[in-house]
Amino acid sequence: MIRSRFDGGGGGGGSLAGCEVTVCGRLLALSRTEAARLCAERGARLVAVPRPSTRVAVVVDRDSAGARRVERLRAEGHPIAAIDEAAFLRLLGVAVDLDRLFSIDQLAGAAGVPARTVREWVKHGFLQPTRTIRRLALFDFKQLACARDLAALRRDGVKPARLRRALRQLARWHRGGDSLAAALAGLMQGDDLLVRLPDGRLAEPSGQLRLQFDLPASRAPVVHLRRQALDPVEAFERALAAEEAGDHAAALEGYEAALAGLGREPEILFNAGNALFALGRPADAAAYFLEAVQGDAEFAQAWNNLGNALVELGRIEYGVLAYRKALAIEPDYADAHFNLGEALHRSGAADAAREHFEAYLRRDAFSRWAARARARLREGSSVS
């Protein structure tokens, strides 16, 4: 990804005012909701997926589907400025030092494993966060090296139980205060435990050196979409185009291909859930939205759409909970206010519904749903 200088909307010297902004990857210092709020305060709009109308792309993960799409849009001539998170934070007026730190998503990308695998390693103590910012675990270069070694063990079929035993052995072998995560700069070959020396060579605990051979890197996965061999990023891009064109079946096929090749990224799961919902499959959509929020608990849009799917399935009480979760994350989320009002109205809670219809109209008084919100308020008034 080629970084480019951003001069702001209308040559405003670095102002985000009037710009559509997207984030490629997961921000280290801010949640999605915080970033959206700060953008809105500066007259900008944060969108989930890069589009031709996007003017600023914050590239956190260069290998993400969003970053690849930004590259494609820029090559087509769309004036999208690609900046890093530090520059984005400066534009937002946020002061956080992120130098030489990596998120779980970045560790996963560097190690070539799903983010959920890295979270499991943290849970088991194989990796230890160097720093935590707003509940976000961050790791240094030493932890990044450990993650790569763990990924190599995983590819060799080493189970977590064996890794835990290896940790205990390495902790005894590494005397002098090294952390367990640092000690796990070792590898196992077969039933042997090998330790990586500071110069990069491998040795048995006895000190006997072992030769190491480099294996050729495996090719990137190739998926098939409508009888055409595509890489996962191209499948994702075609899915976005299909969704924009209203071809939800083709969009779903592309998103499934992207999920197979890029991993269970919350935003791809979210898009696939939307396609499933549009195809009249609310149960399957709910499963995808649920997996999206499990991967990113602050994904307000996914919580809202999970509520829609649950209400469609007749589980209004659970839909209400999902909408409330979306609003707890993003209190100014107009669509969630409307949807919660509708769900409460259907369940007979007219007074509670009124609160959310009024909140919706304060935030979006001229949409096509505003008339229905006003009608619901009149219905409530006539009943009382």
Protein backbone atom coordinates (compact mmCIF):
# COMPACT_ATOMS: atom_id res chain seq x y z
CA MET A 1 0.00 0.00 0.00
CA ILE A 2 1.42 3.37 -1.04
CA ARG A 3 0.86 6.02 1.60
CA SER A 4 -0.31 9.39 0.30
CA ARG A 5 -0.46 12.83 1.83
CA PHE A 6 -3.88 13.96 2.97
CA ASP A 7 -4.68 17.67 2.71
CA GLY A 8 -8.26 17.44 3.91
CA GLY A 9 -11.57 18.21 2.32
CA GLY A 10 -11.34 21.19 0.02
CA GLY A 11 -7.66 21.73 0.76
CA GLY A 12 -8.38 22.36 4.43
CA GLY A 13 -4.87 21.61 5.63
CA GLY A 14 -5.57 18.21 7.12
CA SER A 15 -9.23 18.59 8.15
CA LEU A 16 -11.53 15.58 7.86
CA ALA A 17 -14.58 17.84 7.40
CA GLY A 18 -16.83 16.63 4.59
CA CYS A 19 -14.86 13.41 4.03
CA GLU A 20 -16.00 9.81 3.95
CA VAL A 21 -13.49 7.76 5.97
CA THR A 22 -12.92 4.02 6.14
CA VAL A 23 -10.64 1.92 8.35
CA CYS A 24 -8.83 -1.12 6.92
CA GLY A 25 -8.13 -3.42 9.84
CA ARG A 26 -8.78 -2.86 13.51
CA LEU A 27 -7.66 0.39 15.12
CA LEU A 28 -5.31 -0.02 18.06
CA ALA A 29 -6.25 3.06 20.07
CA LEU A 30 -9.97 3.45 19.38
CA SER A 31 -13.02 1.29 19.07
CA ARG A 32 -15.09 1.49 15.91
CA THR A 33 -17.75 3.46 17.81
CA GLU A 34 -15.26 5.95 19.24
CA ALA A 35 -13.74 6.52 15.80
CA ALA A 36 -17.20 7.07 14.28
CA ARG A 37 -18.10 9.56 17.01
CA LEU A 38 -14.86 11.52 16.66
CA CYS A 39 -15.24 11.59 12.87
CA ALA A 40 -18.79 12.89 13.20
CA GLU A 41 -17.63 15.61 15.58
CA ARG A 42 -15.25 16.78 12.84
CA GLY A 43 -17.85 16.68 10.09
CA ALA A 44 -16.71 13.36 8.62
CA ARG A 45 -18.49 10.02 8.17
CA LEU A 46 -16.99 6.62 8.95
CA VAL A 47 -18.07 3.80 6.62
CA ALA A 48 -17.39 0.09 6.99
CA VAL A 49 -16.31 -0.68 3.41
CA PRO A 50 -14.19 1.45 1.02
CA ARG A 51 -16.24 2.89 -1.85
CA PRO A 52 -15.56 5.23 -4.77
CA SER A 53 -16.93 8.07 -2.62
CA THR A 54 -14.41 7.36 0.16
CA ARG A 55 -11.73 10.01 0.47
CA VAL A 56 -9.59 8.80 3.41
CA ALA A 57 -8.52 5.21 4.12
CA VAL A 58 -6.86 4.49 7.45
CA VAL A 59 -4.69 1.46 6.69
CA VAL A 60 -4.04 -0.52 9.87
CA ASP A 61 -3.73 -3.93 8.19
CA ARG A 62 -2.19 -3.77 4.70
CA ASP A 63 -3.30 -7.34 3.96
CA SER A 64 -6.95 -6.81 4.86
CA ALA A 65 -9.66 -7.05 2.22
CA GLY A 66 -10.42 -3.37 2.76
CA ALA A 67 -6.82 -2.32 2.06
CA ARG A 68 -6.77 -4.38 -1.13
CA ARG A 69 -10.01 -2.76 -2.23
CA VAL A 70 -8.55 0.69 -1.54
CA GLU A 71 -5.58 -0.16 -3.76
CA ARG A 72 -7.95 -1.23 -6.54
CA LEU A 73 -10.05 1.93 -6.25
CA ARG A 74 -6.95 4.14 -6.27
CA ALA A 75 -5.67 2.33 -9.38
CA GLU A 76 -9.01 3.12 -11.03
CA GLY A 77 -8.39 6.80 -10.39
CA HIS A 78 -10.48 7.43 -7.28
CA PRO A 79 -8.76 10.08 -5.09
CA ILE A 80 -8.49 8.11 -1.85
CA ALA A 81 -5.75 9.20 0.54
CA ALA A 82 -4.20 6.26 2.42
CA ILE A 83 -2.88 7.21 5.86
CA ASP A 84 -1.71 5.26 8.89
CA GLU A 85 -3.37 5.22 12.29
CA ALA A 86 -0.94 7.72 13.82
CA ALA A 87 -1.88 10.31 11.17
CA PHE A 88 -5.57 9.54 11.67
CA LEU A 89 -5.28 10.04 15.42
CA ARG A 90 -3.57 13.39 14.86
CA LEU A 91 -6.45 14.48 12.64
CA LEU A 92 -8.87 13.43 15.37
CA GLY A 93 -6.86 15.17 18.07
CA VAL A 94 -6.10 11.92 19.93
CA ALA A 95 -2.67 11.52 21.50
CA VAL A 96 -1.63 7.85 21.87
CA ASP A 97 1.84 6.37 21.35
CA LEU A 98 1.46 3.24 19.21
CA ASP A 99 5.06 2.97 18.10
CA ARG A 100 6.28 -0.63 17.68
CA LEU A 101 3.11 -2.23 19.09
CA PHE A 102 0.84 -4.73 17.37
CA SER A 103 -2.79 -5.70 17.84
CA ILE A 104 -4.13 -9.26 17.93
CA ASP A 105 -5.30 -8.84 14.33
CA GLN A 106 -1.84 -7.72 13.25
CA LEU A 107 -0.20 -10.64 15.05
CA ALA A 108 -2.65 -12.96 13.33
CA GLY A 109 -1.79 -11.48 9.94
CA ALA A 110 1.94 -11.73 10.54
CA ALA A 111 1.65 -15.32 11.77
CA GLY A 112 -0.80 -16.39 9.08
CA VAL A 113 -3.46 -17.65 11.49
CA PRO A 114 -7.02 -16.51 12.34
CA ALA A 115 -7.38 -13.83 15.01
CA ARG A 116 -9.42 -16.25 17.15
CA THR A 117 -6.35 -18.52 17.31
CA VAL A 118 -4.21 -15.68 18.66
CA ARG A 119 -6.91 -14.93 21.26
CA GLU A 120 -6.72 -18.57 22.34
CA TRP A 121 -2.94 -18.30 22.67
CA VAL A 122 -3.39 -15.25 24.90
CA LYS A 123 -6.04 -17.06 26.93
CA HIS A 124 -3.69 -20.04 27.49
CA GLY A 125 -0.78 -17.76 28.39
CA PHE A 126 1.30 -18.55 25.33
CA LEU A 127 1.38 -14.81 24.53
CA GLN A 128 1.39 -11.98 27.04
CA PRO A 129 0.22 -8.45 26.13
CA THR A 130 2.91 -5.81 26.45
CA ARG A 131 0.34 -3.09 26.97
CA THR A 132 -3.43 -2.69 27.10
CA ILE A 133 -5.18 0.44 25.79
CA ARG A 134 -8.94 0.73 26.34
CA ARG A 135 -9.26 -3.05 26.78
CA LEU A 136 -7.25 -3.64 23.58
CA ALA A 137 -4.26 -5.96 24.04
CA LEU A 138 -1.06 -4.81 22.30
CA PHE A 139 2.16 -6.78 21.75
CA ASP A 140 5.79 -5.93 21.01
CA PHE A 141 8.23 -7.42 18.49
CA LYS A 142 9.24 -10.21 20.87
CA GLN A 143 5.61 -11.33 21.13
CA LEU A 144 5.31 -11.11 17.34
CA ALA A 145 8.24 -13.52 16.99
CA CYS A 146 6.58 -15.85 19.51
CA ALA A 147 3.33 -15.75 17.53
CA ARG A 148 5.18 -16.81 14.39
CA ASP A 149 6.81 -19.71 16.23
CA LEU A 150 3.44 -20.75 17.64
CA ALA A 151 1.98 -20.67 14.14
CA ALA A 152 4.79 -22.93 12.92
CA LEU A 153 4.01 -25.39 15.72
CA ARG A 154 0.33 -25.25 14.85
CA ARG A 155 1.04 -26.01 11.19
CA ASP A 156 3.10 -29.00 12.33
CA GLY A 157 0.03 -30.32 14.17
CA VAL A 158 1.19 -29.58 17.71
CA LYS A 159 -1.82 -29.50 20.04
CA PRO A 160 -2.35 -26.85 22.77
CA ALA A 161 -1.76 -29.45 25.49
CA ARG A 162 1.70 -30.18 24.10
CA LEU A 163 2.40 -26.45 23.94
CA ARG A 164 1.51 -26.08 27.61
CA ARG A 165 3.91 -28.90 28.47
CA ALA A 166 6.57 -27.23 26.34
CA LEU A 167 6.04 -23.98 28.22
CA ARG A 168 6.70 -25.69 31.52
CA GLN A 169 9.86 -27.32 30.16
CA LEU A 170 11.13 -24.09 28.65
CA ALA A 171 10.41 -22.17 31.83
CA ARG A 172 12.71 -24.55 33.70
CA TRP A 173 15.36 -24.43 30.96
CA HIS A 174 15.34 -20.62 30.67
CA ARG A 175 16.53 -19.53 34.07
CA GLY A 176 17.10 -15.91 34.78
CA GLY A 177 13.67 -14.32 34.61
CA ASP A 178 12.61 -14.74 30.98
CA SER A 179 8.83 -14.69 30.60
CA LEU A 180 7.13 -17.84 29.42
CA ALA A 181 6.10 -16.12 26.20
CA ALA A 182 9.70 -15.11 25.53
CA ALA A 183 10.85 -18.60 26.41
CA LEU A 184 8.54 -20.03 23.79
CA ALA A 185 10.86 -18.84 21.05
CA GLY A 186 11.34 -22.59 20.60
CA LEU A 187 10.10 -25.23 18.20
CA MET A 188 9.27 -28.90 18.49
CA GLN A 189 10.16 -31.34 15.75
CA GLY A 190 8.51 -34.70 16.22
CA ASP A 191 8.77 -35.46 19.92
CA ASP A 192 11.86 -33.28 20.40
CA LEU A 193 11.89 -29.92 22.13
CA LEU A 194 14.15 -27.41 20.42
CA VAL A 195 15.06 -23.92 21.61
CA ARG A 196 15.93 -21.00 19.37
CA LEU A 197 19.26 -19.46 20.34
CA PRO A 198 19.85 -15.66 20.17
CA ASP A 199 21.69 -16.10 16.86
CA GLY A 200 18.65 -17.87 15.36
CA ARG A 201 20.05 -21.43 15.42
CA LEU A 202 18.12 -24.30 16.99
CA ALA A 203 19.47 -26.42 19.85
CA GLU A 204 18.31 -29.20 22.11
CA PRO A 205 18.16 -28.38 25.84
CA SER A 206 21.49 -30.21 26.16
CA GLY A 207 23.07 -27.62 23.86
CA GLN A 208 23.36 -29.89 20.83
CA LEU A 209 22.76 -27.83 17.68
CA ARG A 210 20.16 -28.87 15.13
CA LEU A 211 20.12 -28.08 11.43
CA GLN A 212 17.10 -26.19 10.16
CA PHE A 213 15.75 -26.29 6.64
CA ASP A 214 13.49 -23.70 5.07
CA LEU A 215 10.41 -25.06 3.37
CA PRO A 216 8.83 -23.28 0.38
CA ALA A 217 5.94 -21.04 1.36
CA SER A 218 2.53 -22.42 0.53
CA ARG A 219 0.55 -20.69 -2.15
CA ALA A 220 -2.30 -18.40 -1.20
CA PRO A 221 -5.67 -20.16 -1.27
CA VAL A 222 -7.64 -19.94 -4.49
CA VAL A 223 -11.43 -19.99 -4.33
CA HIS A 224 -13.96 -20.45 -7.08
CA LEU A 225 -16.76 -18.01 -7.72
CA ARG A 226 -19.21 -18.81 -10.51
CA ARG A 227 -16.75 -21.17 -12.22
CA GLN A 228 -13.94 -18.60 -12.21
CA ALA A 229 -10.78 -19.07 -10.13
CA LEU A 230 -10.41 -15.97 -7.94
CA ASP A 231 -8.25 -15.10 -5.01
CA PRO A 232 -10.21 -14.27 -1.81
CA VAL A 233 -9.73 -10.51 -2.15
CA GLU A 234 -11.10 -10.50 -5.69
CA ALA A 235 -14.01 -12.63 -4.50
CA PHE A 236 -14.73 -10.05 -1.79
CA GLU A 237 -14.63 -7.19 -4.27
CA ARG A 238 -16.98 -8.98 -6.66
CA ALA A 239 -19.31 -9.68 -3.78
CA LEU A 240 -19.43 -5.98 -2.90
CA ALA A 241 -20.23 -5.13 -6.52
CA ALA A 242 -22.91 -7.82 -6.68
CA GLU A 243 -24.50 -6.55 -3.48
CA GLU A 244 -24.56 -2.99 -4.81
CA ALA A 245 -26.26 -4.34 -7.96
CA GLY A 246 -28.87 -6.20 -5.91
CA ASP A 247 -27.63 -9.70 -6.81
CA HIS A 248 -27.62 -11.06 -3.26
CA ALA A 249 -27.06 -14.69 -4.28
CA ALA A 250 -23.83 -13.78 -6.09
CA ALA A 251 -22.85 -11.52 -3.21
CA LEU A 252 -23.30 -14.36 -0.73
CA GLU A 253 -21.20 -16.70 -2.86
CA GLY A 254 -18.42 -14.13 -2.98
CA TYR A 255 -18.51 -13.42 0.73
CA GLU A 256 -18.38 -17.14 1.51
CA ALA A 257 -15.33 -17.43 -0.75
CA ALA A 258 -13.71 -14.46 0.99
CA LEU A 259 -14.39 -16.00 4.39
CA ALA A 260 -12.78 -19.26 3.28
CA GLY A 261 -9.65 -17.49 2.07
CA LEU A 262 -9.31 -14.51 4.42
CA GLY A 263 -10.64 -15.93 7.67
CA ARG A 264 -13.78 -15.17 9.66
CA GLU A 265 -13.38 -11.39 9.66
CA PRO A 266 -16.33 -9.64 11.38
CA GLU A 267 -17.00 -7.24 8.51
CA ILE A 268 -17.13 -10.03 5.93
CA LEU A 269 -19.43 -12.03 8.23
CA PHE A 270 -21.60 -8.93 8.56
CA ASN A 271 -21.84 -8.50 4.79
CA ALA A 272 -22.63 -12.20 4.32
CA GLY A 273 -25.33 -11.93 6.98
CA ASN A 274 -26.89 -9.01 5.12
CA ALA A 275 -26.95 -11.06 1.92
CA LEU A 276 -28.56 -14.00 3.72
CA PHE A 277 -31.20 -11.73 5.25
CA ALA A 278 -31.99 -10.23 1.85
CA LEU A 279 -32.38 -13.78 0.49
CA GLY A 280 -35.03 -14.56 3.10
CA ARG A 281 -32.80 -16.69 5.35
CA PRO A 282 -33.02 -14.90 8.72
CA ALA A 283 -31.85 -17.88 10.79
CA ASP A 284 -28.64 -18.19 8.80
CA ALA A 285 -28.22 -14.42 8.85
CA ALA A 286 -28.58 -14.39 12.64
CA ALA A 287 -25.82 -16.98 12.94
CA TYR A 288 -23.46 -14.82 10.87
CA PHE A 289 -24.30 -11.61 12.74
CA LEU A 290 -23.77 -13.44 16.03
CA GLU A 291 -20.35 -14.66 14.90
CA ALA A 292 -19.50 -11.11 13.80
CA VAL A 293 -20.24 -9.65 17.25
CA GLN A 294 -18.36 -12.50 18.90
CA GLY A 295 -15.34 -11.41 16.88
CA ASP A 296 -15.95 -7.69 17.50
CA ALA A 297 -18.18 -7.05 20.50
CA GLU A 298 -18.43 -3.33 19.67
CA PHE A 299 -19.77 -3.82 16.14
CA ALA A 300 -22.98 -1.84 16.66
CA GLN A 301 -24.27 -2.38 13.11
CA ALA A 302 -23.95 -6.15 13.49
CA TRP A 303 -25.86 -6.05 16.81
CA ASN A 304 -28.61 -4.02 15.10
CA ASN A 305 -28.89 -6.43 12.19
CA LEU A 306 -28.81 -9.38 14.57
CA GLY A 307 -31.85 -7.78 16.20
CA ASN A 308 -33.56 -7.54 12.80
CA ALA A 309 -32.96 -11.23 12.11
CA LEU A 310 -34.18 -12.29 15.54
CA VAL A 311 -37.36 -10.22 15.23
CA GLU A 312 -37.97 -11.74 11.80
CA LEU A 313 -37.71 -15.16 13.47
CA GLY A 314 -40.31 -14.12 16.02
CA ARG A 315 -37.79 -13.84 18.87
CA ILE A 316 -38.73 -10.26 19.65
CA GLU A 317 -37.46 -10.35 23.22
CA TYR A 318 -33.99 -11.31 22.03
CA GLY A 319 -34.17 -8.77 19.24
CA VAL A 320 -34.83 -6.09 21.85
CA LEU A 321 -31.70 -7.16 23.71
CA ALA A 322 -29.62 -6.95 20.51
CA TYR A 323 -30.94 -3.46 19.70
CA ARG A 324 -30.22 -2.30 23.23
CA LYS A 325 -26.67 -3.62 22.90
CA ALA A 326 -26.23 -1.65 19.65
CA LEU A 327 -27.43 1.53 21.38
CA ALA A 328 -25.22 0.93 24.41
CA ILE A 329 -22.28 0.96 22.00
CA GLU A 330 -23.55 3.80 19.80
CA PRO A 331 -26.27 5.87 21.55
CA ASP A 332 -26.89 8.05 18.47
CA TYR A 333 -27.52 5.10 16.16
CA ALA A 334 -30.78 6.26 14.55
CA ASP A 335 -31.73 2.96 12.85
CA ALA A 336 -31.30 1.04 16.11
CA HIS A 337 -33.64 3.51 17.86
CA PHE A 338 -36.28 2.99 15.16
CA ASN A 339 -35.91 -0.81 15.16
CA LEU A 340 -36.06 -0.98 18.94
CA GLY A 341 -39.15 1.23 18.89
CA GLU A 342 -40.81 -1.13 16.39
CA ALA A 343 -39.92 -4.22 18.42
CA LEU A 344 -41.23 -2.67 21.64
CA HIS A 345 -44.39 -1.53 19.85
CA ARG A 346 -45.00 -5.08 18.62
CA SER A 347 -44.50 -6.44 22.12
CA GLY A 348 -47.04 -4.00 23.57
CA ALA A 349 -44.58 -1.72 25.39
CA ALA A 350 -45.99 1.52 23.93
CA ASP A 351 -44.41 3.92 26.43
CA ALA A 352 -40.93 2.44 25.95
CA ALA A 353 -41.44 2.42 22.19
CA ARG A 354 -42.36 6.13 22.22
CA GLU A 355 -38.99 7.02 23.74
CA HIS A 356 -37.13 5.40 20.85
CA PHE A 357 -39.37 6.71 18.07
CA GLU A 358 -38.82 10.21 19.42
CA ALA A 359 -35.07 9.56 19.62
CA TYR A 360 -35.13 8.40 16.01
CA LEU A 361 -36.93 11.52 14.79
CA ARG A 362 -34.46 13.76 16.60
CA ARG A 363 -31.66 12.11 14.64
CA ASP A 364 -33.28 11.41 11.25
CA ALA A 365 -36.48 13.41 10.77
CA PHE A 366 -36.60 13.29 6.96
CA SER A 367 -35.98 9.64 6.09
CA ARG A 368 -38.57 7.34 4.55
CA TRP A 369 -39.05 5.76 7.99
CA ALA A 370 -39.82 9.06 9.70
CA ALA A 371 -43.48 8.95 8.62
CA ARG A 372 -43.91 5.53 10.19
CA ALA A 373 -42.28 6.71 13.41
CA ARG A 374 -44.71 9.65 13.56
CA ALA A 375 -47.62 7.29 12.88
CA ARG A 376 -46.52 5.04 15.72
CA LEU A 377 -46.39 8.07 18.03
CA ARG A 378 -49.92 9.07 17.00
CA GLU A 379 -51.11 5.50 17.65
CA GLY A 380 -49.64 5.66 21.12
CA SER A 381 -51.28 9.01 21.82
CA SER A 382 -54.71 7.78 20.70
CA VAL A 383 -54.44 4.70 22.91
CA SER A 384 -53.50 6.74 25.97
